[in-house]
Amino acid sequence: MTASTSETRQATARYTTMRDSTDPKDLSLHLEGITAIMESHFRYEERQLLEVLKTLALDADSERVLGAL
């Protein structure tokens, strides 16, 4: 939860800075920043979910059901 809140604050700050900009270079940098934040967030979520998925008690082979973890 903390990472998500921090990432949201960062994205909000970047949006506030970019809101009035018309420079394509500024927009490109802004989008790169959003991309980096989202990639970081999804890596965090994947790590959290991976631990849960590894503990599932399945009747079938976990790799067959979930794919490679």
N, C-alpha and C. Protein backbone atom coordinates (compact mmCIF):
# COMPACT_ATOMS: atom_id res chain seq x y z
N MET A 1 0.82 -1.19 0.00
CA MET A 1 0.00 0.00 0.00
C MET A 1 0.86 1.26 0.00
N THR A 2 1.96 1.24 0.71
CA THR A 2 2.82 2.41 0.78
C THR A 2 3.40 2.76 -0.59
N ALA A 3 3.87 1.75 -1.33
CA ALA A 3 4.44 2.01 -2.66
C ALA A 3 3.40 2.63 -3.57
N SER A 4 2.20 2.14 -3.52
CA SER A 4 1.13 2.66 -4.37
C SER A 4 0.83 4.12 -4.05
N THR A 5 0.77 4.46 -2.78
CA THR A 5 0.50 5.84 -2.36
C THR A 5 1.63 6.76 -2.82
N SER A 6 2.85 6.34 -2.65
CA SER A 6 4.00 7.13 -3.07
C SER A 6 3.99 7.34 -4.58
N GLU A 7 3.70 6.27 -5.32
CA GLU A 7 3.66 6.37 -6.78
C GLU A 7 2.54 7.29 -7.24
N THR A 8 1.41 7.25 -6.55
CA THR A 8 0.30 8.13 -6.89
C THR A 8 0.68 9.58 -6.67
N ARG A 9 1.37 9.85 -5.57
CA ARG A 9 1.82 11.23 -5.29
C ARG A 9 2.79 11.70 -6.37
N GLN A 10 3.70 10.83 -6.77
CA GLN A 10 4.67 11.20 -7.80
C GLN A 10 3.96 11.50 -9.11
N ALA A 11 3.02 10.67 -9.49
CA ALA A 11 2.29 10.88 -10.74
C ALA A 11 1.48 12.17 -10.67
N THR A 12 0.88 12.45 -9.53
CA THR A 12 0.11 13.68 -9.37
C THR A 12 1.01 14.90 -9.49
N ALA A 13 2.18 14.84 -8.89
CA ALA A 13 3.12 15.96 -8.97
C ALA A 13 3.57 16.19 -10.41
N ARG A 14 3.83 15.09 -11.11
CA ARG A 14 4.25 15.23 -12.51
C ARG A 14 3.11 15.80 -13.35
N TYR A 15 1.90 15.34 -13.10
CA TYR A 15 0.75 15.85 -13.86
C TYR A 15 0.58 17.35 -13.61
N THR A 16 0.69 17.75 -12.37
CA THR A 16 0.54 19.17 -12.03
C THR A 16 1.57 20.01 -12.77
N THR A 17 2.80 19.51 -12.84
CA THR A 17 3.87 20.22 -13.55
C THR A 17 3.58 20.28 -15.05
N MET A 18 3.05 19.21 -15.60
CA MET A 18 2.84 19.11 -17.04
C MET A 18 1.53 19.73 -17.52
N ARG A 19 0.62 19.96 -16.66
CA ARG A 19 -0.73 20.36 -17.02
C ARG A 19 -0.76 21.50 -18.04
N ASP A 20 0.09 22.49 -17.88
CA ASP A 20 0.05 23.66 -18.75
C ASP A 20 1.15 23.68 -19.81
N SER A 21 1.94 22.63 -19.89
CA SER A 21 3.05 22.61 -20.84
C SER A 21 2.55 22.23 -22.23
N THR A 22 3.12 22.88 -23.25
CA THR A 22 2.79 22.54 -24.63
C THR A 22 4.02 22.03 -25.37
N ASP A 23 5.14 21.92 -24.70
CA ASP A 23 6.38 21.46 -25.32
C ASP A 23 6.34 19.93 -25.48
N PRO A 24 6.44 19.42 -26.71
CA PRO A 24 6.41 17.97 -26.94
C PRO A 24 7.50 17.22 -26.16
N LYS A 25 8.66 17.84 -25.97
CA LYS A 25 9.73 17.19 -25.21
C LYS A 25 9.31 17.01 -23.75
N ASP A 26 8.65 18.02 -23.19
CA ASP A 26 8.16 17.91 -21.81
C ASP A 26 7.13 16.78 -21.70
N LEU A 27 6.25 16.70 -22.68
CA LEU A 27 5.23 15.64 -22.66
C LEU A 27 5.90 14.27 -22.75
N SER A 28 6.89 14.15 -23.61
CA SER A 28 7.59 12.88 -23.75
C SER A 28 8.26 12.47 -22.44
N LEU A 29 8.91 13.42 -21.79
CA LEU A 29 9.55 13.14 -20.49
C LEU A 29 8.52 12.75 -19.45
N HIS A 30 7.39 13.42 -19.48
CA HIS A 30 6.30 13.11 -18.55
C HIS A 30 5.81 11.68 -18.75
N LEU A 31 5.60 11.30 -20.00
CA LEU A 31 5.12 9.95 -20.29
C LEU A 31 6.16 8.90 -19.91
N GLU A 32 7.44 9.21 -20.11
CA GLU A 32 8.49 8.28 -19.67
C GLU A 32 8.45 8.10 -18.16
N GLY A 33 8.19 9.18 -17.44
CA GLY A 33 8.08 9.10 -15.99
C GLY A 33 6.91 8.24 -15.55
N ILE A 34 5.78 8.42 -16.21
CA ILE A 34 4.60 7.61 -15.89
C ILE A 34 4.89 6.14 -16.18
N THR A 35 5.54 5.88 -17.31
CA THR A 35 5.89 4.50 -17.67
C THR A 35 6.76 3.87 -16.59
N ALA A 36 7.76 4.58 -16.12
CA ALA A 36 8.66 4.06 -15.09
C ALA A 36 7.91 3.77 -13.79
N ILE A 37 7.01 4.67 -13.42
CA ILE A 37 6.23 4.47 -12.19
C ILE A 37 5.33 3.25 -12.33
N MET A 38 4.66 3.11 -13.47
CA MET A 38 3.76 1.98 -13.66
C MET A 38 4.52 0.65 -13.69
N GLU A 39 5.68 0.63 -14.36
CA GLU A 39 6.48 -0.60 -14.39
C GLU A 39 6.91 -0.99 -12.98
N SER A 40 7.33 -0.02 -12.20
CA SER A 40 7.73 -0.28 -10.82
C SER A 40 6.56 -0.82 -10.02
N HIS A 41 5.41 -0.21 -10.19
CA HIS A 41 4.22 -0.63 -9.46
C HIS A 41 3.83 -2.07 -9.82
N PHE A 42 3.84 -2.38 -11.12
CA PHE A 42 3.46 -3.73 -11.53
C PHE A 42 4.46 -4.77 -11.07
N ARG A 43 5.76 -4.44 -11.04
CA ARG A 43 6.75 -5.38 -10.50
C ARG A 43 6.47 -5.65 -9.03
N TYR A 44 6.13 -4.60 -8.29
CA TYR A 44 5.79 -4.76 -6.87
C TYR A 44 4.57 -5.68 -6.73
N GLU A 45 3.53 -5.42 -7.50
CA GLU A 45 2.31 -6.24 -7.43
C GLU A 45 2.61 -7.69 -7.79
N GLU A 46 3.43 -7.90 -8.81
CA GLU A 46 3.77 -9.27 -9.20
C GLU A 46 4.49 -10.00 -8.08
N ARG A 47 5.41 -9.32 -7.40
CA ARG A 47 6.12 -9.96 -6.29
C ARG A 47 5.15 -10.34 -5.17
N GLN A 48 4.20 -9.46 -4.90
CA GLN A 48 3.23 -9.74 -3.85
C GLN A 48 2.35 -10.93 -4.22
N LEU A 49 1.88 -10.96 -5.45
CA LEU A 49 1.00 -12.04 -5.90
C LEU A 49 1.74 -13.36 -6.05
N LEU A 50 2.98 -13.31 -6.45
CA LEU A 50 3.75 -14.52 -6.64
C LEU A 50 3.82 -15.34 -5.36
N GLU A 51 4.04 -14.69 -4.24
CA GLU A 51 4.11 -15.40 -2.97
C GLU A 51 2.77 -16.08 -2.64
N VAL A 52 1.69 -15.42 -2.92
CA VAL A 52 0.36 -15.99 -2.67
C VAL A 52 0.12 -17.17 -3.60
N LEU A 53 0.42 -17.00 -4.88
CA LEU A 53 0.19 -18.07 -5.85
C LEU A 53 1.00 -19.31 -5.53
N LYS A 54 2.19 -19.13 -5.00
CA LYS A 54 3.04 -20.28 -4.66
C LYS A 54 2.46 -21.10 -3.51
N THR A 55 1.59 -20.52 -2.70
CA THR A 55 1.04 -21.23 -1.55
C THR A 55 -0.30 -21.91 -1.85
N LEU A 56 -0.83 -21.73 -3.05
CA LEU A 56 -2.11 -22.34 -3.38
C LEU A 56 -2.01 -23.85 -3.37
N ALA A 57 -3.03 -24.49 -2.81
CA ALA A 57 -3.12 -25.94 -2.85
C ALA A 57 -4.00 -26.31 -4.03
N LEU A 58 -3.39 -26.80 -5.09
CA LEU A 58 -4.12 -27.13 -6.31
C LEU A 58 -4.16 -28.63 -6.52
N ASP A 59 -5.22 -29.10 -7.15
CA ASP A 59 -5.32 -30.52 -7.49
C ASP A 59 -4.48 -30.84 -8.73
N ALA A 60 -4.17 -29.84 -9.52
CA ALA A 60 -3.38 -30.03 -10.74
C ALA A 60 -1.99 -29.44 -10.52
N ASP A 61 -1.10 -29.75 -11.44
CA ASP A 61 0.25 -29.19 -11.40
C ASP A 61 0.16 -27.68 -11.53
N SER A 62 0.81 -26.95 -10.60
CA SER A 62 0.71 -25.49 -10.59
C SER A 62 1.23 -24.85 -11.88
N GLU A 63 2.29 -25.40 -12.45
CA GLU A 63 2.81 -24.82 -13.69
C GLU A 63 1.81 -25.02 -14.84
N ARG A 64 1.11 -26.12 -14.83
CA ARG A 64 0.11 -26.35 -15.88
C ARG A 64 -1.07 -25.40 -15.73
N VAL A 65 -1.45 -25.11 -14.50
CA VAL A 65 -2.60 -24.24 -14.24
C VAL A 65 -2.23 -22.76 -14.37
N LEU A 66 -1.11 -22.36 -13.77
CA LEU A 66 -0.73 -20.95 -13.69
C LEU A 66 0.35 -20.53 -14.67
N GLY A 67 1.00 -21.49 -15.30
CA GLY A 67 2.14 -21.15 -16.14
C GLY A 67 3.38 -21.03 -15.27
N ALA A 68 4.46 -20.68 -15.88
CA ALA A 68 5.73 -20.56 -15.14
C ALA A 68 5.66 -19.41 -14.16
N LEU A 69 5.98 -19.68 -12.91
CA LEU A 69 6.03 -18.64 -11.89
C LEU A 69 7.46 -18.29 -11.72
